[in-house]
Amino acid sequence: MLMVVSPRLFSQKPETAAGIRTTTSVTIFNSGIKANVIPGYAEAIVNHRVNPRDSFDEVLERDRDIIDDDRIKIDLIPTVLPNHPPSPISSSKSFGFSVSAKYPPC
């Protein structure tokens, strides 16, 4: 049996919200060398898990809009793009769907 569930239902719980939107995580942040000294330099590595409904260009543009500072430089890690665009949406007849239907989360 296939149940159709509204994305609004998923967005209400943190456990399921990440499955319906692009997620962002700062995975590395480097700055400063001493306590009580303002650093002259900072860098961060940000990981995006891009939802198939979004394009990487849209995500990058959103980053630029959020940062909104021309002094901040955004470099892309070359091993990530353009070699790895978001995966296509899986078929509901796939093995993964059949397993999740058989063994729903606790």
N, C-alpha and C. Protein backbone atom coordinates (compact mmCIF):
# COMPACT_ATOMS: atom_id res chain seq x y z
N MET A 1 0.84 -1.17 0.00
CA MET A 1 0.00 0.00 0.00
C MET A 1 0.89 1.24 0.00
N LEU A 2 0.63 2.15 -0.88
CA LEU A 2 1.38 3.40 -0.98
C LEU A 2 0.55 4.52 -0.37
N MET A 3 1.13 5.19 0.61
CA MET A 3 0.44 6.31 1.24
C MET A 3 1.03 7.61 0.73
N VAL A 4 0.19 8.55 0.41
CA VAL A 4 0.65 9.87 0.00
C VAL A 4 0.56 10.77 1.22
N VAL A 5 1.70 11.37 1.56
CA VAL A 5 1.77 12.20 2.76
C VAL A 5 2.20 13.61 2.34
N SER A 6 1.58 14.58 2.90
CA SER A 6 1.89 15.97 2.59
C SER A 6 3.28 16.34 3.10
N PRO A 7 4.09 17.06 2.29
CA PRO A 7 5.39 17.54 2.75
C PRO A 7 5.27 18.38 4.02
N ARG A 8 4.14 19.04 4.22
CA ARG A 8 3.94 19.85 5.43
C ARG A 8 4.05 18.99 6.68
N LEU A 9 3.55 17.76 6.60
CA LEU A 9 3.64 16.84 7.73
C LEU A 9 5.10 16.53 8.05
N PHE A 10 5.91 16.28 7.03
CA PHE A 10 7.32 15.99 7.24
C PHE A 10 8.08 17.20 7.78
N SER A 11 7.70 18.39 7.35
CA SER A 11 8.43 19.59 7.76
C SER A 11 8.21 19.94 9.22
N GLN A 12 7.23 19.33 9.87
CA GLN A 12 6.93 19.67 11.25
C GLN A 12 7.84 18.97 12.26
N LYS A 13 8.57 17.95 11.84
CA LYS A 13 9.44 17.22 12.75
C LYS A 13 10.88 17.28 12.25
N PRO A 14 11.83 17.61 13.12
CA PRO A 14 13.23 17.67 12.69
C PRO A 14 13.74 16.34 12.12
N GLU A 15 13.20 15.23 12.63
CA GLU A 15 13.66 13.90 12.16
C GLU A 15 13.34 13.65 10.70
N THR A 16 12.28 14.27 10.20
CA THR A 16 11.87 14.02 8.82
C THR A 16 12.04 15.24 7.91
N ALA A 17 12.24 16.41 8.49
CA ALA A 17 12.33 17.64 7.69
C ALA A 17 13.48 17.61 6.70
N ALA A 18 14.60 17.01 7.09
CA ALA A 18 15.77 16.98 6.21
C ALA A 18 15.52 16.16 4.95
N GLY A 19 14.56 15.28 4.97
CA GLY A 19 14.27 14.46 3.81
C GLY A 19 13.51 15.16 2.71
N ILE A 20 13.01 16.36 2.98
CA ILE A 20 12.19 17.05 1.98
C ILE A 20 12.76 18.38 1.54
N ARG A 21 13.97 18.71 1.99
CA ARG A 21 14.57 19.98 1.57
C ARG A 21 16.08 19.84 1.50
N THR A 22 16.71 20.79 0.86
CA THR A 22 18.17 20.84 0.83
C THR A 22 18.64 21.16 2.24
N THR A 23 19.64 20.41 2.69
CA THR A 23 20.18 20.65 4.03
C THR A 23 21.59 21.23 3.92
N THR A 24 21.97 21.97 4.93
CA THR A 24 23.27 22.65 4.97
C THR A 24 23.93 22.39 6.31
N SER A 25 25.23 22.12 6.27
CA SER A 25 25.97 21.88 7.50
C SER A 25 27.38 22.45 7.36
N VAL A 26 27.80 23.23 8.34
CA VAL A 26 29.19 23.68 8.39
C VAL A 26 29.98 22.51 8.97
N THR A 27 30.88 21.93 8.18
CA THR A 27 31.60 20.75 8.63
C THR A 27 32.99 21.07 9.16
N ILE A 28 33.60 22.16 8.71
CA ILE A 28 34.90 22.59 9.20
C ILE A 28 34.89 24.11 9.31
N PHE A 29 35.41 24.61 10.43
CA PHE A 29 35.53 26.06 10.60
C PHE A 29 36.89 26.34 11.24
N ASN A 30 37.69 27.18 10.59
CA ASN A 30 39.02 27.53 11.09
C ASN A 30 39.14 29.03 11.21
N SER A 31 39.65 29.48 12.36
CA SER A 31 39.87 30.90 12.57
C SER A 31 40.63 31.10 13.87
N GLY A 32 41.46 32.12 13.89
CA GLY A 32 42.14 32.52 15.11
C GLY A 32 43.25 31.57 15.53
N ILE A 33 44.18 32.15 16.34
CA ILE A 33 45.29 31.35 16.84
C ILE A 33 45.49 31.54 18.34
N LYS A 34 44.71 32.46 18.92
CA LYS A 34 44.91 32.76 20.33
C LYS A 34 43.63 33.32 20.93
N ALA A 35 43.37 32.99 22.18
CA ALA A 35 42.18 33.51 22.88
C ALA A 35 42.29 35.02 23.03
N ASN A 36 41.15 35.70 22.95
CA ASN A 36 41.04 37.14 23.15
C ASN A 36 41.77 37.97 22.09
N VAL A 37 41.96 37.40 20.90
CA VAL A 37 42.54 38.12 19.78
C VAL A 37 41.61 37.95 18.58
N ILE A 38 41.19 39.06 18.01
CA ILE A 38 40.29 38.99 16.85
C ILE A 38 41.07 38.44 15.66
N PRO A 39 40.59 37.34 15.07
CA PRO A 39 41.31 36.76 13.95
C PRO A 39 41.22 37.63 12.70
N GLY A 40 42.29 37.63 11.93
CA GLY A 40 42.30 38.37 10.68
C GLY A 40 41.80 37.55 9.50
N TYR A 41 41.53 36.28 9.74
CA TYR A 41 41.16 35.37 8.67
C TYR A 41 40.26 34.28 9.24
N ALA A 42 39.32 33.84 8.45
CA ALA A 42 38.46 32.71 8.82
C ALA A 42 38.06 31.97 7.56
N GLU A 43 37.88 30.68 7.70
CA GLU A 43 37.37 29.89 6.57
C GLU A 43 36.46 28.80 7.10
N ALA A 44 35.52 28.42 6.27
CA ALA A 44 34.57 27.38 6.64
C ALA A 44 34.33 26.49 5.43
N ILE A 45 34.12 25.23 5.70
CA ILE A 45 33.68 24.31 4.65
C ILE A 45 32.23 23.97 4.97
N VAL A 46 31.39 24.20 3.98
CA VAL A 46 29.95 24.01 4.14
C VAL A 46 29.51 22.90 3.20
N ASN A 47 28.78 21.95 3.74
CA ASN A 47 28.28 20.83 2.95
C ASN A 47 26.79 21.02 2.72
N HIS A 48 26.39 20.87 1.46
CA HIS A 48 24.96 20.91 1.12
C HIS A 48 24.55 19.54 0.61
N ARG A 49 23.46 19.04 1.12
CA ARG A 49 22.83 17.85 0.55
C ARG A 49 21.65 18.39 -0.24
N VAL A 50 21.83 18.43 -1.55
CA VAL A 50 20.89 19.13 -2.42
C VAL A 50 19.70 18.24 -2.76
N ASN A 51 18.51 18.73 -2.43
CA ASN A 51 17.29 18.03 -2.76
C ASN A 51 17.16 17.99 -4.29
N PRO A 52 16.71 16.88 -4.87
CA PRO A 52 16.60 16.80 -6.34
C PRO A 52 15.72 17.87 -6.96
N ARG A 53 14.82 18.48 -6.19
CA ARG A 53 13.98 19.55 -6.74
C ARG A 53 14.75 20.85 -6.89
N ASP A 54 15.91 20.96 -6.22
CA ASP A 54 16.72 22.17 -6.27
C ASP A 54 17.91 21.96 -7.20
N SER A 55 18.44 23.03 -7.71
CA SER A 55 19.67 22.93 -8.49
C SER A 55 20.82 23.46 -7.63
N PHE A 56 22.02 23.03 -7.94
CA PHE A 56 23.17 23.52 -7.19
C PHE A 56 23.31 25.02 -7.35
N ASP A 57 23.04 25.53 -8.56
CA ASP A 57 23.13 26.98 -8.79
C ASP A 57 22.18 27.75 -7.88
N GLU A 58 20.98 27.21 -7.65
CA GLU A 58 20.03 27.87 -6.75
C GLU A 58 20.56 27.88 -5.32
N VAL A 59 21.16 26.77 -4.90
CA VAL A 59 21.71 26.68 -3.55
C VAL A 59 22.87 27.67 -3.39
N LEU A 60 23.74 27.72 -4.38
CA LEU A 60 24.87 28.65 -4.33
C LEU A 60 24.39 30.10 -4.31
N GLU A 61 23.39 30.42 -5.08
CA GLU A 61 22.83 31.77 -5.08
C GLU A 61 22.22 32.11 -3.72
N ARG A 62 21.57 31.14 -3.11
CA ARG A 62 21.00 31.37 -1.77
C ARG A 62 22.12 31.64 -0.77
N ASP A 63 23.23 30.89 -0.86
CA ASP A 63 24.38 31.15 0.01
C ASP A 63 24.86 32.59 -0.16
N ARG A 64 24.98 33.01 -1.41
CA ARG A 64 25.45 34.39 -1.67
C ARG A 64 24.48 35.42 -1.10
N ASP A 65 23.17 35.15 -1.23
CA ASP A 65 22.17 36.07 -0.69
C ASP A 65 22.26 36.14 0.84
N ILE A 66 22.47 35.01 1.47
CA ILE A 66 22.55 34.97 2.93
C ILE A 66 23.81 35.68 3.42
N ILE A 67 24.94 35.41 2.78
CA ILE A 67 26.20 36.02 3.18
C ILE A 67 26.17 37.52 2.92
N ASP A 68 25.72 37.92 1.75
CA ASP A 68 25.51 39.32 1.39
C ASP A 68 26.69 40.22 1.75
N ASP A 69 27.90 39.76 1.41
CA ASP A 69 29.11 40.53 1.71
C ASP A 69 30.15 40.22 0.63
N ASP A 70 30.47 41.21 -0.19
CA ASP A 70 31.39 41.01 -1.31
C ASP A 70 32.82 40.68 -0.86
N ARG A 71 33.12 40.92 0.41
CA ARG A 71 34.46 40.58 0.90
C ARG A 71 34.62 39.08 1.14
N ILE A 72 33.52 38.37 1.23
CA ILE A 72 33.56 36.93 1.47
C ILE A 72 33.69 36.21 0.13
N LYS A 73 34.72 35.38 0.04
CA LYS A 73 34.99 34.64 -1.19
C LYS A 73 34.44 33.22 -1.05
N ILE A 74 33.71 32.77 -2.06
CA ILE A 74 33.19 31.41 -2.09
C ILE A 74 33.97 30.62 -3.12
N ASP A 75 34.66 29.59 -2.65
CA ASP A 75 35.37 28.67 -3.54
C ASP A 75 34.66 27.34 -3.52
N LEU A 76 34.52 26.74 -4.68
CA LEU A 76 33.92 25.40 -4.76
C LEU A 76 35.03 24.36 -4.71
N ILE A 77 34.78 23.29 -3.99
CA ILE A 77 35.75 22.20 -3.94
C ILE A 77 35.63 21.44 -5.26
N PRO A 78 36.69 21.38 -6.05
CA PRO A 78 36.59 20.84 -7.42
C PRO A 78 36.15 19.39 -7.51
N THR A 79 36.35 18.60 -6.47
CA THR A 79 35.93 17.20 -6.54
C THR A 79 34.43 17.04 -6.40
N VAL A 80 33.73 18.10 -6.05
CA VAL A 80 32.29 18.00 -5.83
C VAL A 80 31.49 18.32 -7.09
N LEU A 81 31.79 19.40 -7.75
CA LEU A 81 31.00 19.81 -8.92
C LEU A 81 31.91 20.14 -10.08
N PRO A 82 31.48 20.01 -11.30
CA PRO A 82 30.13 19.60 -11.70
C PRO A 82 29.97 18.10 -11.83
N ASN A 83 30.92 17.34 -11.31
CA ASN A 83 30.89 15.88 -11.47
C ASN A 83 29.76 15.18 -10.71
N HIS A 84 29.21 15.83 -9.69
CA HIS A 84 28.22 15.17 -8.86
C HIS A 84 26.96 16.01 -8.67
N PRO A 85 26.17 16.15 -9.71
CA PRO A 85 24.91 16.88 -9.52
C PRO A 85 23.98 16.07 -8.62
N PRO A 86 22.90 16.66 -8.13
CA PRO A 86 21.97 15.91 -7.29
C PRO A 86 21.48 14.64 -7.98
N SER A 87 21.30 13.59 -7.22
CA SER A 87 20.81 12.33 -7.75
C SER A 87 19.36 12.49 -8.19
N PRO A 88 18.95 11.73 -9.20
CA PRO A 88 17.55 11.80 -9.61
C PRO A 88 16.65 11.16 -8.54
N ILE A 89 15.40 11.50 -8.57
CA ILE A 89 14.44 10.92 -7.63
C ILE A 89 14.27 9.44 -7.94
N SER A 90 14.33 8.61 -6.90
CA SER A 90 14.21 7.16 -7.07
C SER A 90 12.79 6.75 -7.40
N SER A 91 12.68 5.64 -8.08
CA SER A 91 11.37 5.07 -8.38
C SER A 91 10.76 4.48 -7.12
N SER A 92 9.45 4.58 -7.00
CA SER A 92 8.77 3.98 -5.85
C SER A 92 8.76 2.45 -5.95
N LYS A 93 9.26 1.92 -7.06
CA LYS A 93 9.36 0.47 -7.24
C LYS A 93 10.77 -0.03 -6.92
N SER A 94 11.63 0.85 -6.43
CA SER A 94 13.01 0.47 -6.16
C SER A 94 13.13 -0.39 -4.91
N PHE A 95 14.28 -1.02 -4.75
CA PHE A 95 14.55 -1.87 -3.60
C PHE A 95 14.44 -1.07 -2.29
N GLY A 96 15.01 0.12 -2.27
CA GLY A 96 14.97 0.95 -1.06
C GLY A 96 13.56 1.25 -0.60
N PHE A 97 12.67 1.56 -1.53
CA PHE A 97 11.28 1.83 -1.17
C PHE A 97 10.62 0.57 -0.62
N SER A 98 10.90 -0.57 -1.23
CA SER A 98 10.26 -1.81 -0.76
C SER A 98 10.74 -2.16 0.65
N VAL A 99 12.02 -1.93 0.94
CA VAL A 99 12.54 -2.21 2.28
C VAL A 99 11.93 -1.26 3.30
N SER A 100 11.87 0.03 2.98
CA SER A 100 11.32 0.99 3.94
C SER A 100 9.83 0.76 4.17
N ALA A 101 9.12 0.25 3.19
CA ALA A 101 7.71 -0.06 3.37
C ALA A 101 7.54 -1.28 4.27
N LYS A 102 8.46 -2.22 4.13
CA LYS A 102 8.39 -3.46 4.91
C LYS A 102 8.82 -3.23 6.35
N TYR A 103 9.80 -2.34 6.55
CA TYR A 103 10.36 -2.07 7.88
C TYR A 103 10.26 -0.58 8.18
N PRO A 104 9.07 -0.10 8.55
CA PRO A 104 8.93 1.32 8.83
C PRO A 104 9.73 1.73 10.07
N PRO A 105 10.08 3.01 10.17
CA PRO A 105 10.85 3.46 11.34
C PRO A 105 10.08 3.22 12.64
N CYS A 106 10.81 3.00 13.70
CA CYS A 106 10.19 2.74 15.02
C CYS A 106 9.62 4.00 15.62
